Amino acid sequence: MELQTATLGMVRASVCQRLLDYLELVKARLVAMILVVTMVGFYMGLPGVLDWWRLLHLLLGVALAGAGALALNAYMERDLDALMTRTQTRPVPEGRIQPLAALRFGIITTLCGLLYLLVVVEPWSAVLTGAIVGSYLFGYTPLKMKTSLCSLVGAVSGALPPVVGWVAARGTFGTEAWVLFAMLFLWQIPHSLAIARLYRDDFARAGFRILPVIDPEGSSTGRHVVTYCLALLVVGLLPTLIGLAGLVYFIAALVLGLGFLGFGIDLARAYTVAAARRLLFASLVYLPLTFLLMALDKVPPVWHKVPPL
């Protein structure tokens, strides 16, 4: 009996560890962020009653496609991850998940997510999600080794999820959806440059041609950060000006945008690891607060009601 109990305990521990490895493979926290901005796009796009079931179907499809794409990215960059301190303990470079297993998992999961969106949710949501996957894997990922413009390609991929949500809710595109896209696009540049400055030596070791690596003095990086923070400050006010959100959101977006810009200027002036860490923290505060307040101050309000089955 004791032997059976011990064996069962070892099996459970092994299964739990395997699950944790796959959660790390797909970067579960990043998938969660993708789902949040997709959900905001869906909510802001609703013309009336909140359809919980459609939202759940949407999130499931996006989660599968996003997790699969990130697993494929881990497969494609496994050799580069092994060169960097911050990534060398990830499941594939450390050997906890074999490359072929990661490849199979990524392909199957991505295709399941795209097919689910196509059949169950809305064709355009599947097309846009496919564009995200394609540009991320075949644009952003290889371009990191060639040009600093990779950040712009990656920002496009990362800015499309709220548009996916909007289209799933409305069935059509709209100016409002592209305003959400622009906000997320502009936010990603200072956010990613802060990370790149923090881990510049690691990225240089792997051969990435991102801006802080090819601009060790930081003058160009600082200009990019300030420029995009300033643009985000302006674009972040548009939801109120186009009638998507109210005055409360406008005031909050102005305050948050000015604060984010201040941290961007701080990095441009100092260009230290500490300044980059402060900017990264500010970016992680700005985005969820701004989107949350936009949803809370949506115009007109949405009455929450579970539709009948």
Protein backbone atom coordinates (compact mmCIF):
# COMPACT_ATOMS: atom_id res chain seq x y z
CA MET A 1 0.00 0.00 0.00
CA GLU A 2 2.78 2.44 0.92
CA LEU A 3 4.56 1.62 -2.34
CA GLN A 4 1.39 2.25 -4.34
CA THR A 5 0.83 5.55 -2.53
CA ALA A 6 4.41 6.62 -3.18
CA THR A 7 4.12 5.65 -6.84
CA LEU A 8 0.83 7.54 -7.22
CA GLY A 9 2.45 10.58 -5.61
CA MET A 10 5.36 10.43 -8.05
CA VAL A 11 2.99 10.14 -11.01
CA ARG A 12 0.98 13.14 -9.83
CA ALA A 13 4.15 15.17 -9.31
CA SER A 14 5.33 14.22 -12.80
CA VAL A 15 2.01 15.20 -14.37
CA CYS A 16 1.98 18.52 -12.50
CA GLN A 17 5.56 19.26 -13.58
CA ARG A 18 4.69 18.41 -17.17
CA LEU A 19 1.72 20.76 -17.05
CA LEU A 20 3.90 23.54 -15.62
CA ASP A 21 6.46 22.96 -18.36
CA TYR A 22 3.82 23.38 -21.06
CA LEU A 23 2.40 26.46 -19.37
CA GLU A 24 5.90 27.91 -19.46
CA LEU A 25 6.31 26.81 -23.08
CA VAL A 26 3.26 28.79 -24.17
CA LYS A 27 4.11 31.77 -21.92
CA ALA A 28 0.83 31.60 -20.04
CA ARG A 29 1.09 35.14 -18.67
CA LEU A 30 1.45 36.55 -22.17
CA VAL A 31 -1.53 34.50 -23.35
CA ALA A 32 -3.52 35.93 -20.43
CA MET A 33 -2.62 39.49 -21.51
CA ILE A 34 -3.69 38.69 -25.09
CA LEU A 35 -7.03 37.44 -23.78
CA VAL A 36 -7.57 40.56 -21.68
CA VAL A 37 -7.07 42.98 -24.59
CA THR A 38 -9.16 40.74 -26.86
CA MET A 39 -11.94 40.81 -24.26
CA VAL A 40 -11.75 44.60 -24.03
CA GLY A 41 -12.06 44.86 -27.82
CA PHE A 42 -15.09 42.53 -27.72
CA TYR A 43 -16.75 44.46 -24.89
CA MET A 44 -16.16 47.85 -26.48
CA GLY A 45 -17.53 46.56 -29.79
CA LEU A 46 -20.78 45.24 -28.37
CA PRO A 47 -23.80 47.07 -29.79
CA GLY A 48 -26.10 45.82 -27.03
CA VAL A 49 -26.45 42.79 -24.79
CA LEU A 50 -23.25 41.10 -23.64
CA ASP A 51 -23.21 37.63 -25.20
CA TRP A 52 -21.22 35.63 -22.65
CA TRP A 53 -21.20 32.44 -24.68
CA ARG A 54 -19.81 34.11 -27.78
CA LEU A 55 -17.16 35.76 -25.63
CA LEU A 56 -16.13 32.44 -24.10
CA HIS A 57 -15.92 30.82 -27.54
CA LEU A 58 -13.79 33.74 -28.74
CA LEU A 59 -11.42 33.54 -25.79
CA LEU A 60 -11.02 29.79 -26.20
CA GLY A 61 -10.11 30.11 -29.87
CA VAL A 62 -7.71 33.00 -29.27
CA ALA A 63 -6.11 31.20 -26.32
CA LEU A 64 -5.46 28.08 -28.41
CA ALA A 65 -4.05 30.02 -31.36
CA GLY A 66 -1.95 32.28 -29.13
CA ALA A 67 -0.57 29.42 -27.06
CA GLY A 68 0.26 27.46 -30.21
CA ALA A 69 2.03 30.41 -31.82
CA LEU A 70 4.12 31.01 -28.70
CA ALA A 71 5.04 27.33 -28.55
CA LEU A 72 6.17 27.53 -32.18
CA ASN A 73 8.20 30.62 -31.35
CA ALA A 74 9.87 28.70 -28.53
CA TYR A 75 10.69 25.93 -31.01
CA MET A 76 12.09 28.36 -33.59
CA GLU A 77 14.23 30.24 -31.06
CA ARG A 78 15.38 27.29 -28.96
CA ASP A 79 19.05 27.68 -29.91
CA LEU A 80 18.98 31.43 -29.27
CA ASP A 81 17.19 30.94 -25.95
CA ALA A 82 20.00 28.62 -24.87
CA LEU A 83 22.48 31.51 -25.29
CA MET A 84 20.64 33.96 -23.02
CA THR A 85 20.64 33.88 -19.23
CA ARG A 86 16.99 34.94 -18.95
CA THR A 87 15.76 32.19 -21.28
CA GLN A 88 18.20 29.28 -21.02
CA THR A 89 16.08 27.56 -18.36
CA ARG A 90 12.95 27.49 -20.53
CA PRO A 91 11.55 24.01 -21.21
CA VAL A 92 12.92 23.47 -24.74
CA PRO A 93 16.53 24.71 -24.36
CA GLU A 94 16.80 22.94 -21.00
CA GLY A 95 15.48 19.70 -22.50
CA ARG A 96 12.33 19.33 -20.38
CA ILE A 97 10.29 19.38 -23.60
CA GLN A 98 11.80 17.95 -26.76
CA PRO A 99 11.87 20.27 -29.83
CA LEU A 100 9.74 17.91 -31.93
CA ALA A 101 7.13 17.73 -29.16
CA ALA A 102 7.02 21.52 -28.97
CA LEU A 103 6.68 21.73 -32.76
CA ARG A 104 3.81 19.22 -32.88
CA PHE A 105 2.04 20.85 -29.96
CA GLY A 106 2.41 24.31 -31.50
CA ILE A 107 1.11 23.32 -34.93
CA ILE A 108 -1.86 21.32 -33.64
CA THR A 109 -2.88 23.92 -31.05
CA THR A 110 -2.59 26.83 -33.45
CA LEU A 111 -4.64 25.09 -36.15
CA CYS A 112 -7.29 24.05 -33.63
CA GLY A 113 -7.60 27.65 -32.42
CA LEU A 114 -7.90 29.09 -35.93
CA LEU A 115 -10.41 26.45 -37.01
CA TYR A 116 -12.47 27.00 -33.86
CA LEU A 117 -12.62 30.74 -34.51
CA LEU A 118 -13.55 30.17 -38.16
CA VAL A 119 -16.36 27.70 -37.49
CA VAL A 120 -17.75 28.75 -34.11
CA VAL A 121 -17.10 32.49 -33.76
CA GLU A 122 -16.62 34.67 -36.86
CA PRO A 123 -14.56 34.21 -40.06
CA TRP A 124 -12.87 37.59 -39.81
CA SER A 125 -11.72 36.83 -36.27
CA ALA A 126 -10.00 33.71 -37.64
CA VAL A 127 -8.42 35.66 -40.52
CA LEU A 128 -7.08 38.36 -38.20
CA THR A 129 -5.78 35.82 -35.70
CA GLY A 130 -4.09 33.99 -38.56
CA ALA A 131 -2.47 37.28 -39.58
CA ILE A 132 -1.21 37.73 -36.01
CA VAL A 133 0.29 34.24 -35.99
CA GLY A 134 1.86 34.63 -39.44
CA SER A 135 3.39 38.06 -38.85
CA TYR A 136 4.69 37.03 -35.42
CA LEU A 137 6.32 33.79 -36.52
CA PHE A 138 7.46 34.68 -40.04
CA GLY A 139 7.95 38.43 -39.69
CA TYR A 140 8.91 39.49 -36.19
CA THR A 141 10.79 36.33 -35.13
CA PRO A 142 13.31 36.15 -38.02
CA LEU A 143 13.64 39.94 -38.33
CA LYS A 144 15.04 40.17 -34.78
CA MET A 145 18.30 38.81 -36.19
CA LYS A 146 18.39 41.33 -39.06
CA THR A 147 16.96 44.75 -38.23
CA SER A 148 15.69 46.92 -35.42
CA LEU A 149 12.51 47.43 -37.47
CA CYS A 150 11.42 44.07 -36.07
CA SER A 151 9.86 45.99 -33.18
CA LEU A 152 7.36 47.61 -35.54
CA VAL A 153 6.36 44.25 -37.03
CA GLY A 154 6.00 42.76 -33.56
CA ALA A 155 3.93 45.74 -32.46
CA VAL A 156 1.50 45.16 -35.34
CA SER A 157 1.08 41.53 -34.31
CA GLY A 158 0.56 42.49 -30.69
CA ALA A 159 -1.91 45.28 -31.47
CA LEU A 160 -4.42 43.19 -33.44
CA PRO A 161 -6.10 41.19 -30.60
CA PRO A 162 -8.54 43.99 -29.63
CA VAL A 163 -9.51 44.25 -33.31
CA VAL A 164 -10.18 40.49 -33.26
CA GLY A 165 -12.45 41.06 -30.27
CA TRP A 166 -14.23 43.98 -31.91
CA VAL A 167 -14.91 42.07 -35.12
CA ALA A 168 -16.16 39.06 -33.17
CA ALA A 169 -18.67 41.32 -31.40
CA ARG A 170 -19.81 43.40 -34.37
CA GLY A 171 -19.03 41.32 -37.41
CA THR A 172 -17.51 44.42 -39.04
CA PHE A 173 -14.53 46.73 -38.65
CA GLY A 174 -14.78 50.33 -37.53
CA THR A 175 -12.79 53.44 -36.69
CA GLU A 176 -13.07 52.58 -33.01
CA ALA A 177 -11.38 49.22 -33.52
CA TRP A 178 -8.41 50.86 -35.22
CA VAL A 179 -8.10 53.40 -32.41
CA LEU A 180 -7.73 50.46 -29.99
CA PHE A 181 -5.18 48.99 -32.39
CA ALA A 182 -3.23 52.26 -32.50
CA MET A 183 -3.16 52.55 -28.71
CA LEU A 184 -1.78 49.06 -28.27
CA PHE A 185 0.68 49.50 -31.14
CA LEU A 186 2.11 52.72 -29.70
CA TRP A 187 2.27 51.28 -26.17
CA GLN A 188 4.30 48.29 -27.28
CA ILE A 189 7.30 50.25 -28.56
CA PRO A 190 8.37 51.85 -25.24
CA HIS A 191 7.35 48.67 -23.42
CA SER A 192 9.52 46.43 -25.61
CA LEU A 193 12.41 48.90 -25.68
CA ALA A 194 12.42 49.02 -21.88
CA ILE A 195 12.72 45.23 -21.81
CA ALA A 196 15.43 45.33 -24.48
CA ARG A 197 17.42 47.86 -22.46
CA LEU A 198 17.11 45.74 -19.32
CA TYR A 199 18.42 42.62 -21.06
CA ARG A 200 20.61 44.27 -23.69
CA ASP A 201 23.66 42.10 -23.00
CA ASP A 202 21.59 38.94 -23.24
CA PHE A 203 20.05 39.99 -26.54
CA ALA A 204 23.46 40.98 -27.90
CA ARG A 205 24.84 37.57 -26.94
CA ALA A 206 22.13 35.92 -29.02
CA GLY A 207 22.77 38.22 -31.98
CA PHE A 208 19.49 40.15 -31.91
CA ARG A 209 19.61 43.41 -33.87
CA ILE A 210 17.13 45.26 -31.68
CA LEU A 211 17.56 48.98 -31.10
CA PRO A 212 19.23 49.03 -27.65
CA VAL A 213 21.82 46.53 -28.95
CA ILE A 214 22.82 48.56 -32.02
CA ASP A 215 22.41 51.86 -30.13
CA PRO A 216 24.54 51.39 -26.99
CA GLU A 217 24.61 55.13 -26.24
CA GLY A 218 20.82 55.20 -26.12
CA SER A 219 20.19 58.42 -28.05
CA SER A 220 18.06 56.80 -30.75
CA THR A 221 16.32 54.50 -28.27
CA GLY A 222 15.45 57.46 -26.08
CA ARG A 223 14.00 59.41 -29.01
CA HIS A 224 11.88 56.45 -30.03
CA VAL A 225 10.58 55.96 -26.49
CA VAL A 226 9.62 59.61 -26.04
CA THR A 227 8.09 59.89 -29.52
CA TYR A 228 5.86 56.85 -29.06
CA CYS A 229 4.88 57.82 -25.51
CA LEU A 230 3.89 61.27 -26.76
CA ALA A 231 1.90 59.79 -29.64
CA LEU A 232 0.21 57.40 -27.22
CA LEU A 233 -0.76 60.32 -24.98
CA VAL A 234 -2.62 61.91 -27.89
CA VAL A 235 -4.15 58.74 -29.36
CA GLY A 236 -5.16 57.57 -25.89
CA LEU A 237 -7.61 60.48 -25.72
CA LEU A 238 -9.39 59.54 -28.96
CA PRO A 239 -11.86 57.04 -27.44
CA THR A 240 -13.63 59.95 -25.75
CA LEU A 241 -13.38 62.22 -28.79
CA ILE A 242 -15.00 59.60 -31.07
CA GLY A 243 -17.74 58.78 -28.58
CA LEU A 244 -16.47 55.40 -27.44
CA ALA A 245 -15.75 56.38 -23.82
CA GLY A 246 -16.74 59.17 -21.47
CA LEU A 247 -15.16 62.09 -19.66
CA VAL A 248 -13.89 60.01 -16.72
CA TYR A 249 -11.84 57.93 -19.11
CA PHE A 250 -10.53 61.06 -20.85
CA ILE A 251 -9.20 62.53 -17.60
CA ALA A 252 -7.69 59.21 -16.50
CA ALA A 253 -6.07 58.62 -19.90
CA LEU A 254 -4.58 62.11 -19.80
CA VAL A 255 -3.09 61.58 -16.34
CA LEU A 256 -1.82 58.08 -17.10
CA GLY A 257 -0.44 59.18 -20.47
CA LEU A 258 1.45 62.08 -18.93
CA GLY A 259 2.87 59.77 -16.28
CA PHE A 260 3.97 57.24 -18.88
CA LEU A 261 5.56 60.01 -20.94
CA GLY A 262 7.41 61.19 -17.84
CA PHE A 263 8.97 57.76 -17.35
CA GLY A 264 9.87 57.69 -21.05
CA ILE A 265 11.67 61.03 -20.72
CA ASP A 266 13.41 59.67 -17.64
CA LEU A 267 14.81 56.75 -19.68
CA ALA A 268 15.86 59.07 -22.52
CA ARG A 269 17.78 61.26 -20.09
CA ALA A 270 19.39 58.61 -17.90
CA TYR A 271 19.33 55.43 -20.06
CA THR A 272 20.16 53.26 -17.08
CA VAL A 273 18.89 49.83 -16.11
CA ALA A 274 17.00 51.45 -13.23
CA ALA A 275 15.26 53.90 -15.58
CA ALA A 276 14.35 51.04 -17.93
CA ARG A 277 12.90 49.07 -15.03
CA ARG A 278 10.79 52.08 -13.99
CA LEU A 279 9.51 52.51 -17.56
CA LEU A 280 8.66 48.82 -17.79
CA PHE A 281 6.70 49.01 -14.54
CA ALA A 282 4.91 52.14 -15.76
CA SER A 283 3.94 50.37 -18.99
CA LEU A 284 2.49 47.46 -17.02
CA VAL A 285 0.41 49.90 -14.99
CA TYR A 286 -0.68 52.08 -17.91
CA LEU A 287 -2.18 49.45 -20.20
CA PRO A 288 -4.50 47.52 -17.86
CA LEU A 289 -5.67 50.66 -16.07
CA THR A 290 -6.39 52.51 -19.30
CA PHE A 291 -8.31 49.63 -20.85
CA LEU A 292 -10.19 48.92 -17.61
CA LEU A 293 -11.28 52.53 -17.25
CA MET A 294 -12.28 52.64 -20.91
CA ALA A 295 -14.51 49.60 -20.38
CA LEU A 296 -16.02 51.03 -17.21
CA ASP A 297 -16.73 54.37 -18.87
CA LYS A 298 -18.01 52.94 -22.13
CA VAL A 299 -20.63 54.95 -24.01
CA PRO A 300 -23.37 53.75 -24.13
CA PRO A 301 -23.35 51.29 -21.22
CA VAL A 302 -23.89 47.59 -21.81
CA TRP A 303 -26.39 45.76 -19.61
CA HIS A 304 -24.90 42.45 -18.54
CA LYS A 305 -27.26 39.60 -19.26
CA VAL A 306 -26.65 35.96 -20.09
CA PRO A 307 -28.61 35.19 -23.25
CA PRO A 308 -30.88 32.15 -23.23
CA LEU A 309 -29.44 28.87 -24.49
